[in-house]
């Protein structure tokens, strides 16, 4: 019999051994990836100029926070299930989705800060940009959470509404970052420009996984599984895997990219960007 209890998050549908294990292993890999990235970023500070070290510290902080929360997410996942002869069934302790949102409310604004820090924009422009991005990030996460914890097919419409509302600041963030990264290219050293162009694509591709995962966990079948219905819970599994993959790429992967941008800018000579602009004028 499926369990429909929730505790700041999702009820637990029955899972096969494979479905349970692939999510558990993905959580484990995410903890390892975030932890390894944190060590790398903190130890790499001496390899870049002093002005870019804050960007690496913030990047390291992002993945450290994420490693902790994914450790707690995995602990909650394991506590929510018990193995039986037919597979894994809920123990009555609902899976705590709030850990992930607590992580996002801290790390997403910091992701904005680390990017602005490595770009070294003018102070007034950086302040305005960060204010817009942090407010939008808070709205995106705050509006997404009420839909995330809906665990009944009768709430499908409400989940869609919350998802649409959350998507407004989501796409605003992507638009602003794409425009600002593009506009900053002319003022960046030649060696860093290609990496910043890659950063634009990484942001676009990795962030696109989040709404896809949200949609997978919000199908009628997925919500029915959460509510205790005898349906395939693949959507629930897909949501957890999708979020984990996106977080690894958007935090650990992006943090390493921030490192390479900082290294490229540290190795460039003063005036490189001006010389290149004159040559291509």
C-alpha atoms as a PDB file:
ATOM      1  CA  UNK A   1       0.000   0.000   0.000  1.00  0.00           C
ATOM      2  CA  UNK A   2       1.402   3.360  -0.984  1.00  0.00           C
ATOM      3  CA  UNK A   3       1.962   6.096   1.522  1.00  0.00           C
ATOM      4  CA  UNK A   4       0.561   9.584   0.908  1.00  0.00           C
ATOM      5  CA  UNK A   5       2.025  11.413   3.915  1.00  0.00           C
ATOM      6  CA  UNK A   6       4.062  14.570   3.308  1.00  0.00           C
ATOM      7  CA  UNK A   7       6.516  16.464   5.442  1.00  0.00           C
ATOM      8  CA  UNK A   8       7.476  19.763   3.830  1.00  0.00           C
ATOM      9  CA  UNK A   9       7.511  17.834   0.574  1.00  0.00           C
ATOM     10  CA  UNK A  10       6.440  14.816  -1.373  1.00  0.00           C
ATOM     11  CA  UNK A  11       4.583  11.662  -0.469  1.00  0.00           C
ATOM     12  CA  UNK A  12       6.381   8.471  -1.376  1.00  0.00           C
ATOM     13  CA  UNK A  13       5.131   6.148  -4.109  1.00  0.00           C
ATOM     14  CA  UNK A  14       6.281   2.543  -4.220  1.00  0.00           C
ATOM     15  CA  UNK A  15       9.462   2.081  -6.264  1.00  0.00           C
ATOM     16  CA  UNK A  16      11.258  -0.847  -7.798  1.00  0.00           C
ATOM     17  CA  UNK A  17      14.759  -1.615  -6.557  1.00  0.00           C
ATOM     18  CA  UNK A  18      16.156  -0.065  -9.740  1.00  0.00           C
ATOM     19  CA  UNK A  19      14.098   3.131  -9.433  1.00  0.00           C
ATOM     20  CA  UNK A  20      15.038   3.639  -5.802  1.00  0.00           C
ATOM     21  CA  UNK A  21      18.701   2.817  -6.365  1.00  0.00           C
ATOM     22  CA  UNK A  22      19.230   5.067  -9.364  1.00  0.00           C
ATOM     23  CA  UNK A  23      17.925   8.065  -7.417  1.00  0.00           C
ATOM     24  CA  UNK A  24      19.950   7.153  -4.326  1.00  0.00           C
ATOM     25  CA  UNK A  25      23.106   6.720  -6.422  1.00  0.00           C
ATOM     26  CA  UNK A  26      22.482  10.013  -8.184  1.00  0.00           C
ATOM     27  CA  UNK A  27      22.219  11.783  -4.827  1.00  0.00           C
ATOM     28  CA  UNK A  28      25.468  10.122  -3.744  1.00  0.00           C
ATOM     29  CA  UNK A  29      27.230  11.208  -6.943  1.00  0.00           C
ATOM     30  CA  UNK A  30      25.941  14.758  -6.505  1.00  0.00           C
ATOM     31  CA  UNK A  31      27.355  14.964  -2.977  1.00  0.00           C
ATOM     32  CA  UNK A  32      30.720  13.733  -4.267  1.00  0.00           C
ATOM     33  CA  UNK A  33      30.733  16.107  -7.248  1.00  0.00           C
ATOM     34  CA  UNK A  34      29.868  19.135  -5.115  1.00  0.00           C
ATOM     35  CA  UNK A  35      32.431  18.215  -2.473  1.00  0.00           C
ATOM     36  CA  UNK A  36      35.185  17.658  -5.027  1.00  0.00           C
ATOM     37  CA  UNK A  37      34.374  20.955  -6.739  1.00  0.00           C
ATOM     38  CA  UNK A  38      34.494  22.778  -3.391  1.00  0.00           C
ATOM     39  CA  UNK A  39      37.966  21.416  -2.611  1.00  0.00           C
ATOM     40  CA  UNK A  40      39.208  22.268  -6.103  1.00  0.00           C
ATOM     41  CA  UNK A  41      37.863  25.831  -6.057  1.00  0.00           C
ATOM     42  CA  UNK A  42      39.157  26.666  -2.582  1.00  0.00           C
ATOM     43  CA  UNK A  43      42.615  25.240  -3.322  1.00  0.00           C
ATOM     44  CA  UNK A  44      42.773  27.017  -6.703  1.00  0.00           C
ATOM     45  CA  UNK A  45      42.596  30.537  -5.271  1.00  0.00           C
ATOM     46  CA  UNK A  46      46.381  31.130  -5.444  1.00  0.00           C
ATOM     47  CA  UNK A  47      46.398  30.350  -9.186  1.00  0.00           C
ATOM     48  CA  UNK A  48      44.406  33.488 -10.097  1.00  0.00           C
ATOM     49  CA  UNK A  49      44.949  37.181  -9.489  1.00  0.00           C
ATOM     50  CA  UNK A  50      43.760  38.546  -6.165  1.00  0.00           C
ATOM     51  CA  UNK A  51      40.873  40.468  -7.743  1.00  0.00           C
ATOM     52  CA  UNK A  52      39.323  37.208  -9.002  1.00  0.00           C
ATOM     53  CA  UNK A  53      39.750  35.194  -5.817  1.00  0.00           C
ATOM     54  CA  UNK A  54      36.408  36.314  -4.339  1.00  0.00           C
ATOM     55  CA  UNK A  55      34.682  34.714  -7.339  1.00  0.00           C
ATOM     56  CA  UNK A  56      36.350  31.381  -6.560  1.00  0.00           C
ATOM     57  CA  UNK A  57      35.505  31.673  -2.849  1.00  0.00           C
ATOM     58  CA  UNK A  58      31.840  32.291  -3.690  1.00  0.00           C
ATOM     59  CA  UNK A  59      31.877  29.412  -6.179  1.00  0.00           C
ATOM     60  CA  UNK A  60      33.369  27.158  -3.517  1.00  0.00           C
ATOM     61  CA  UNK A  61      30.737  28.295  -1.040  1.00  0.00           C
ATOM     62  CA  UNK A  62      27.968  27.474  -3.528  1.00  0.00           C
ATOM     63  CA  UNK A  63      29.070  23.875  -3.995  1.00  0.00           C
ATOM     64  CA  UNK A  64      29.787  23.451  -0.266  1.00  0.00           C
ATOM     65  CA  UNK A  65      26.220  24.467   0.562  1.00  0.00           C
ATOM     66  CA  UNK A  66      24.938  22.181  -2.183  1.00  0.00           C
ATOM     67  CA  UNK A  67      27.019  19.240  -0.916  1.00  0.00           C
ATOM     68  CA  UNK A  68      25.528  19.631   2.558  1.00  0.00           C
ATOM     69  CA  UNK A  69      21.963  19.867   1.308  1.00  0.00           C
ATOM     70  CA  UNK A  70      22.341  16.881  -1.013  1.00  0.00           C
ATOM     71  CA  UNK A  71      23.731  14.887   1.897  1.00  0.00           C
ATOM     72  CA  UNK A  72      20.543  15.758   3.799  1.00  0.00           C
ATOM     73  CA  UNK A  73      18.393  15.045   0.725  1.00  0.00           C
ATOM     74  CA  UNK A  74      19.903  11.574   0.424  1.00  0.00           C
ATOM     75  CA  UNK A  75      19.442  10.976   4.153  1.00  0.00           C
ATOM     76  CA  UNK A  76      15.773  11.976   3.833  1.00  0.00           C
ATOM     77  CA  UNK A  77      15.363   9.739   0.776  1.00  0.00           C
ATOM     78  CA  UNK A  78      16.778   6.717   2.596  1.00  0.00           C
ATOM     79  CA  UNK A  79      14.648   7.407   5.655  1.00  0.00           C
ATOM     80  CA  UNK A  80      11.494   7.653   3.563  1.00  0.00           C
ATOM     81  CA  UNK A  81      11.813   4.104   2.176  1.00  0.00           C
ATOM     82  CA  UNK A  82      12.201   0.566   3.388  1.00  0.00           C
ATOM     83  CA  UNK A  83      13.032  -2.514   1.318  1.00  0.00           C
ATOM     84  CA  UNK A  84      10.428  -5.280   1.050  1.00  0.00           C
ATOM     85  CA  UNK A  85      10.130  -8.412  -1.059  1.00  0.00           C
ATOM     86  CA  UNK A  86       8.360  -6.456  -3.796  1.00  0.00           C
ATOM     87  CA  UNK A  87      10.621  -3.386  -3.813  1.00  0.00           C
ATOM     88  CA  UNK A  88      10.828  -0.159  -1.837  1.00  0.00           C
ATOM     89  CA  UNK A  89       7.789   1.220  -0.030  1.00  0.00           C
ATOM     90  CA  UNK A  90       7.280   4.376   1.988  1.00  0.00           C
ATOM     91  CA  UNK A  91       8.043   4.258   5.703  1.00  0.00           C
ATOM     92  CA  UNK A  92       5.586   7.032   6.524  1.00  0.00           C
ATOM     93  CA  UNK A  93       8.287   9.698   6.699  1.00  0.00           C
ATOM     94  CA  UNK A  94       7.699  11.782   3.584  1.00  0.00           C
ATOM     95  CA  UNK A  95      10.638  12.844   1.460  1.00  0.00           C
ATOM     96  CA  UNK A  96      11.658  16.372   2.453  1.00  0.00           C
ATOM     97  CA  UNK A  97      11.637  18.520  -0.702  1.00  0.00           C
ATOM     98  CA  UNK A  98      12.406  21.621   1.317  1.00  0.00           C
ATOM     99  CA  UNK A  99      16.119  20.748   1.527  1.00  0.00           C
ATOM    100  CA  UNK A 100      16.476  21.368  -2.187  1.00  0.00           C
ATOM    101  CA  UNK A 101      14.587  24.650  -2.084  1.00  0.00           C
ATOM    102  CA  UNK A 102      16.569  25.751   0.981  1.00  0.00           C
ATOM    103  CA  UNK A 103      19.673  25.040  -1.093  1.00  0.00           C
ATOM    104  CA  UNK A 104      18.404  27.015  -4.071  1.00  0.00           C
ATOM    105  CA  UNK A 105      17.369  30.053  -2.037  1.00  0.00           C
ATOM    106  CA  UNK A 106      20.992  30.293  -0.872  1.00  0.00           C
ATOM    107  CA  UNK A 107      22.971  29.127  -3.884  1.00  0.00           C
ATOM    108  CA  UNK A 108      21.118  30.676  -6.826  1.00  0.00           C
ATOM    109  CA  UNK A 109      21.730  34.277  -5.670  1.00  0.00           C
ATOM    110  CA  UNK A 110      25.350  33.322  -4.951  1.00  0.00           C
ATOM    111  CA  UNK A 111      25.664  31.962  -8.493  1.00  0.00           C
ATOM    112  CA  UNK A 112      24.692  35.422  -9.707  1.00  0.00           C
ATOM    113  CA  UNK A 113      27.283  37.014  -7.414  1.00  0.00           C
ATOM    114  CA  UNK A 114      30.126  34.737  -8.553  1.00  0.00           C
ATOM    115  CA  UNK A 115      29.413  35.487 -12.204  1.00  0.00           C
ATOM    116  CA  UNK A 116      29.320  39.244 -11.688  1.00  0.00           C
ATOM    117  CA  UNK A 117      32.472  39.012  -9.550  1.00  0.00           C
ATOM    118  CA  UNK A 118      34.510  37.281 -12.251  1.00  0.00           C
ATOM    119  CA  UNK A 119      33.259  39.668 -14.965  1.00  0.00           C
ATOM    120  CA  UNK A 120      34.367  42.686 -12.887  1.00  0.00           C
ATOM    121  CA  UNK A 121      31.734  45.037 -14.255  1.00  0.00           C
ATOM    122  CA  UNK A 122      31.561  48.694 -13.277  1.00  0.00           C
ATOM    123  CA  UNK A 123      30.472  49.031  -9.651  1.00  0.00           C
ATOM    124  CA  UNK A 124      27.190  50.839 -10.369  1.00  0.00           C
ATOM    125  CA  UNK A 125      26.292  48.423 -13.149  1.00  0.00           C
ATOM    126  CA  UNK A 126      27.206  45.374 -11.065  1.00  0.00           C
ATOM    127  CA  UNK A 127      25.094  46.592  -8.143  1.00  0.00           C
ATOM    128  CA  UNK A 128      22.040  47.179 -10.341  1.00  0.00           C
ATOM    129  CA  UNK A 129      22.467  43.830 -12.073  1.00  0.00           C
ATOM    130  CA  UNK A 130      22.818  41.895  -8.831  1.00  0.00           C
ATOM    131  CA  UNK A 131      19.763  43.541  -7.303  1.00  0.00           C
ATOM    132  CA  UNK A 132      17.598  42.570 -10.265  1.00  0.00           C
ATOM    133  CA  UNK A 133      18.948  39.023 -10.418  1.00  0.00           C
ATOM    134  CA  UNK A 134      18.711  38.287  -6.692  1.00  0.00           C
ATOM    135  CA  UNK A 135      15.132  39.578  -6.459  1.00  0.00           C
ATOM    136  CA  UNK A 136      14.153  37.546  -9.529  1.00  0.00           C
ATOM    137  CA  UNK A 137      15.853  34.430  -8.117  1.00  0.00           C
ATOM    138  CA  UNK A 138      13.967  34.755  -4.826  1.00  0.00           C
ATOM    139  CA  UNK A 139      10.671  35.116  -6.677  1.00  0.00           C
ATOM    140  CA  UNK A 140      11.438  32.148  -8.936  1.00  0.00           C
ATOM    141  CA  UNK A 141      12.176  29.823  -6.026  1.00  0.00           C
ATOM    142  CA  UNK A 142       9.404  31.140  -3.777  1.00  0.00           C
ATOM    143  CA  UNK A 143       6.782  30.716  -6.496  1.00  0.00           C
ATOM    144  CA  UNK A 144       7.998  27.265  -7.513  1.00  0.00           C
ATOM    145  CA  UNK A 145       7.894  25.649  -4.076  1.00  0.00           C
ATOM    146  CA  UNK A 146       4.082  25.665  -3.519  1.00  0.00           C
ATOM    147  CA  UNK A 147       3.670  23.763  -6.775  1.00  0.00           C
ATOM    148  CA  UNK A 148       6.499  21.360  -5.971  1.00  0.00           C
ATOM    149  CA  UNK A 149       4.859  20.047  -2.799  1.00  0.00           C
ATOM    150  CA  UNK A 150       1.493  19.348  -4.411  1.00  0.00           C
ATOM    151  CA  UNK A 151       1.050  15.582  -4.206  1.00  0.00           C
ATOM    152  CA  UNK A 152      -2.424  14.895  -5.546  1.00  0.00           C
ATOM    153  CA  UNK A 153      -3.703  14.801  -9.148  1.00  0.00           C
ATOM    154  CA  UNK A 154      -6.533  17.146  -8.164  1.00  0.00           C
ATOM    155  CA  UNK A 155      -3.843  19.792  -7.676  1.00  0.00           C
ATOM    156  CA  UNK A 156      -2.456  19.506 -11.217  1.00  0.00           C
ATOM    157  CA  UNK A 157      -3.924  22.845 -12.328  1.00  0.00           C
ATOM    158  CA  UNK A 158      -2.536  24.609  -9.266  1.00  0.00           C
ATOM    159  CA  UNK A 159       0.899  23.092  -9.899  1.00  0.00           C
ATOM    160  CA  UNK A 160       0.821  24.325 -13.485  1.00  0.00           C
ATOM    161  CA  UNK A 161      -0.168  27.823 -12.330  1.00  0.00           C
ATOM    162  CA  UNK A 162       2.669  27.950  -9.797  1.00  0.00           C
ATOM    163  CA  UNK A 163       5.057  26.616 -12.429  1.00  0.00           C
ATOM    164  CA  UNK A 164       4.035  29.315 -14.913  1.00  0.00           C
ATOM    165  CA  UNK A 165       4.385  32.044 -12.289  1.00  0.00           C
ATOM    166  CA  UNK A 166       7.826  30.731 -11.334  1.00  0.00           C
ATOM    167  CA  UNK A 167       8.826  30.647 -15.005  1.00  0.00           C
ATOM    168  CA  UNK A 168       8.379  34.414 -15.397  1.00  0.00           C
ATOM    169  CA  UNK A 169      11.360  35.378 -13.187  1.00  0.00           C
ATOM    170  CA  UNK A 170      13.181  32.255 -14.448  1.00  0.00           C
ATOM    171  CA  UNK A 171      13.141  33.428 -18.060  1.00  0.00           C
ATOM    172  CA  UNK A 172      13.827  36.998 -16.957  1.00  0.00           C
ATOM    173  CA  UNK A 173      17.047  35.823 -15.279  1.00  0.00           C
ATOM    174  CA  UNK A 174      18.143  33.920 -18.378  1.00  0.00           C
ATOM    175  CA  UNK A 175      17.365  36.916 -20.602  1.00  0.00           C
ATOM    176  CA  UNK A 176      19.263  39.370 -18.397  1.00  0.00           C
ATOM    177  CA  UNK A 177      22.273  37.085 -18.049  1.00  0.00           C
ATOM    178  CA  UNK A 178      22.412  36.400 -21.791  1.00  0.00           C
ATOM    179  CA  UNK A 179      22.224  40.108 -22.619  1.00  0.00           C
ATOM    180  CA  UNK A 180      24.732  41.171 -19.954  1.00  0.00           C
ATOM    181  CA  UNK A 181      27.202  38.431 -20.820  1.00  0.00           C
ATOM    182  CA  UNK A 182      26.961  39.391 -24.486  1.00  0.00           C
ATOM    183  CA  UNK A 183      27.400  43.091 -23.736  1.00  0.00           C
ATOM    184  CA  UNK A 184      30.402  42.413 -21.508  1.00  0.00           C
ATOM    185  CA  UNK A 185      32.372  40.603 -24.226  1.00  0.00           C
ATOM    186  CA  UNK A 186      33.843  43.793 -25.691  1.00  0.00           C
ATOM    187  CA  UNK A 187      35.328  44.773 -22.323  1.00  0.00           C
ATOM    188  CA  UNK A 188      36.791  41.362 -21.514  1.00  0.00           C
ATOM    189  CA  UNK A 189      40.330  40.138 -22.314  1.00  0.00           C
ATOM    190  CA  UNK A 190      40.605  38.224 -25.570  1.00  0.00           C
ATOM    191  CA  UNK A 191      41.581  34.999 -23.784  1.00  0.00           C
ATOM    192  CA  UNK A 192      38.389  35.039 -21.702  1.00  0.00           C
ATOM    193  CA  UNK A 193      35.844  35.860 -24.388  1.00  0.00           C
ATOM    194  CA  UNK A 194      35.412  32.357 -25.726  1.00  0.00           C
ATOM    195  CA  UNK A 195      34.953  31.039 -22.193  1.00  0.00           C
ATOM    196  CA  UNK A 196      32.305  33.673 -21.461  1.00  0.00           C
ATOM    197  CA  UNK A 197      30.495  32.675 -24.647  1.00  0.00           C
ATOM    198  CA  UNK A 198      30.586  29.079 -23.392  1.00  0.00           C
ATOM    199  CA  UNK A 199      29.245  30.305 -20.036  1.00  0.00           C
ATOM    200  CA  UNK A 200      26.200  31.737 -21.821  1.00  0.00           C
ATOM    201  CA  UNK A 201      25.443  28.368 -23.379  1.00  0.00           C
ATOM    202  CA  UNK A 202      26.063  26.482 -20.129  1.00  0.00           C
ATOM    203  CA  UNK A 203      23.578  28.726 -18.340  1.00  0.00           C
ATOM    204  CA  UNK A 204      20.983  28.287 -21.052  1.00  0.00           C
ATOM    205  CA  UNK A 205      21.326  24.511 -21.388  1.00  0.00           C
ATOM    206  CA  UNK A 206      21.693  23.580 -17.711  1.00  0.00           C
ATOM    207  CA  UNK A 207      18.950  25.881 -16.487  1.00  0.00           C
ATOM    208  CA  UNK A 208      16.600  24.499 -19.136  1.00  0.00           C
ATOM    209  CA  UNK A 209      16.702  21.128 -17.344  1.00  0.00           C
ATOM    210  CA  UNK A 210      14.939  22.532 -14.261  1.00  0.00           C
ATOM    211  CA  UNK A 211      11.527  23.255 -15.840  1.00  0.00           C
ATOM    212  CA  UNK A 212      11.722  19.934 -17.693  1.00  0.00           C
ATOM    213  CA  UNK A 213      12.279  18.069 -14.411  1.00  0.00           C
ATOM    214  CA  UNK A 214       9.530  20.113 -12.738  1.00  0.00           C
ATOM    215  CA  UNK A 215       7.139  19.139 -15.549  1.00  0.00           C
ATOM    216  CA  UNK A 216       8.074  15.442 -15.244  1.00  0.00           C
ATOM    217  CA  UNK A 217       7.193  15.510 -11.555  1.00  0.00           C
ATOM    218  CA  UNK A 218       3.943  17.321 -12.217  1.00  0.00           C
ATOM    219  CA  UNK A 219       2.232  15.041 -14.687  1.00  0.00           C
ATOM    220  CA  UNK A 220      -1.093  13.525 -13.678  1.00  0.00           C
ATOM    221  CA  UNK A 221       0.614  10.118 -13.451  1.00  0.00           C
ATOM    222  CA  UNK A 222       3.382  11.464 -11.187  1.00  0.00           C
ATOM    223  CA  UNK A 223       0.904  13.216  -8.905  1.00  0.00           C
ATOM    224  CA  UNK A 224      -1.262  10.091  -8.819  1.00  0.00           C
ATOM    225  CA  UNK A 225       1.786   8.073  -7.766  1.00  0.00           C
ATOM    226  CA  UNK A 226       2.503  10.576  -4.985  1.00  0.00           C
ATOM    227  CA  UNK A 227      -1.100  10.347  -3.821  1.00  0.00           C
ATOM    228  CA  UNK A 228      -0.964   6.550  -3.580  1.00  0.00           C
ATOM    229  CA  UNK A 229      -2.272   5.504  -6.971  1.00  0.00           C
ATOM    230  CA  UNK A 230      -1.085   2.297  -8.590  1.00  0.00           C
ATOM    231  CA  UNK A 231       0.686   3.908 -11.556  1.00  0.00           C
ATOM    232  CA  UNK A 232       4.243   4.032 -12.854  1.00  0.00           C
ATOM    233  CA  UNK A 233       6.204   6.547 -10.691  1.00  0.00           C
ATOM    234  CA  UNK A 234       8.763   7.265 -13.435  1.00  0.00           C
ATOM    235  CA  UNK A 235       7.898  10.960 -13.336  1.00  0.00           C
ATOM    236  CA  UNK A 236       8.833  11.167  -9.657  1.00  0.00           C
ATOM    237  CA  UNK A 237      12.124   9.394 -10.356  1.00  0.00           C
ATOM    238  CA  UNK A 238      12.805  11.578 -13.396  1.00  0.00           C
ATOM    239  CA  UNK A 239      12.261  14.750 -11.376  1.00  0.00           C
ATOM    240  CA  UNK A 240      14.870  13.767  -8.779  1.00  0.00           C
ATOM    241  CA  UNK A 241      17.411  12.686 -11.401  1.00  0.00           C
ATOM    242  CA  UNK A 242      16.792  15.775 -13.535  1.00  0.00           C
ATOM    243  CA  UNK A 243      17.247  18.183 -10.643  1.00  0.00           C
ATOM    244  CA  UNK A 244      20.442  16.420  -9.569  1.00  0.00           C
ATOM    245  CA  UNK A 245      21.979  16.520 -13.041  1.00  0.00           C
ATOM    246  CA  UNK A 246      21.041  20.169 -13.462  1.00  0.00           C
ATOM    247  CA  UNK A 247      22.512  21.078 -10.068  1.00  0.00           C
ATOM    248  CA  UNK A 248      25.813  19.321 -10.817  1.00  0.00           C
ATOM    249  CA  UNK A 249      26.147  21.173 -14.122  1.00  0.00           C
ATOM    250  CA  UNK A 250      24.865  24.552 -12.914  1.00  0.00           C
ATOM    251  CA  UNK A 251      26.943  24.618  -9.711  1.00  0.00           C
ATOM    252  CA  UNK A 252      29.978  22.331  -9.878  1.00  0.00           C
ATOM    253  CA  UNK A 253      30.389  22.569 -13.656  1.00  0.00           C
ATOM    254  CA  UNK A 254      29.739  26.296 -13.781  1.00  0.00           C
ATOM    255  CA  UNK A 255      32.073  26.858 -10.833  1.00  0.00           C
ATOM    256  CA  UNK A 256      34.924  25.168 -12.701  1.00  0.00           C
ATOM    257  CA  UNK A 257      34.115  27.329 -15.730  1.00  0.00           C
ATOM    258  CA  UNK A 258      34.316  30.427 -13.492  1.00  0.00           C
ATOM    259  CA  UNK A 259      37.786  29.205 -12.473  1.00  0.00           C
ATOM    260  CA  UNK A 260      38.926  28.950 -16.101  1.00  0.00           C
ATOM    261  CA  UNK A 261      37.590  32.435 -16.846  1.00  0.00           C
ATOM    262  CA  UNK A 262      39.481  33.786 -13.828  1.00  0.00           C
ATOM    263  CA  UNK A 263      42.678  32.035 -14.963  1.00  0.00           C
ATOM    264  CA  UNK A 264      42.314  33.410 -18.496  1.00  0.00           C
ATOM    265  CA  UNK A 265      41.734  36.941 -17.226  1.00  0.00           C
ATOM    266  CA  UNK A 266      44.631  36.634 -14.773  1.00  0.00           C
ATOM    267  CA  UNK A 267      47.032  35.634 -17.540  1.00  0.00           C
ATOM    268  CA  UNK A 268      45.968  38.416 -19.913  1.00  0.00           C
ATOM    269  CA  UNK A 269      47.986  41.611 -20.172  1.00  0.00           C
ATOM    270  CA  UNK A 270      46.420  44.984 -19.320  1.00  0.00           C
ATOM    271  CA  UNK A 271      44.941  46.520 -22.431  1.00  0.00           C
ATOM    272  CA  UNK A 272      44.435  43.248 -24.316  1.00  0.00           C
ATOM    273  CA  UNK A 273      40.717  43.889 -24.691  1.00  0.00           C
ATOM    274  CA  UNK A 274      41.289  47.417 -25.981  1.00  0.00           C
ATOM    275  CA  UNK A 275      43.901  46.293 -28.492  1.00  0.00           C
ATOM    276  CA  UNK A 276      41.618  43.590 -29.831  1.00  0.00           C
ATOM    277  CA  UNK A 277      38.691  46.004 -30.136  1.00  0.00           C
ATOM    278  CA  UNK A 278      40.833  48.430 -32.162  1.00  0.00           C
ATOM    279  CA  UNK A 279      42.085  45.635 -34.391  1.00  0.00           C
ATOM    280  CA  UNK A 280      38.583  44.494 -35.250  1.00  0.00           C
ATOM    281  CA  UNK A 281      37.100  47.989 -35.595  1.00  0.00           C
END
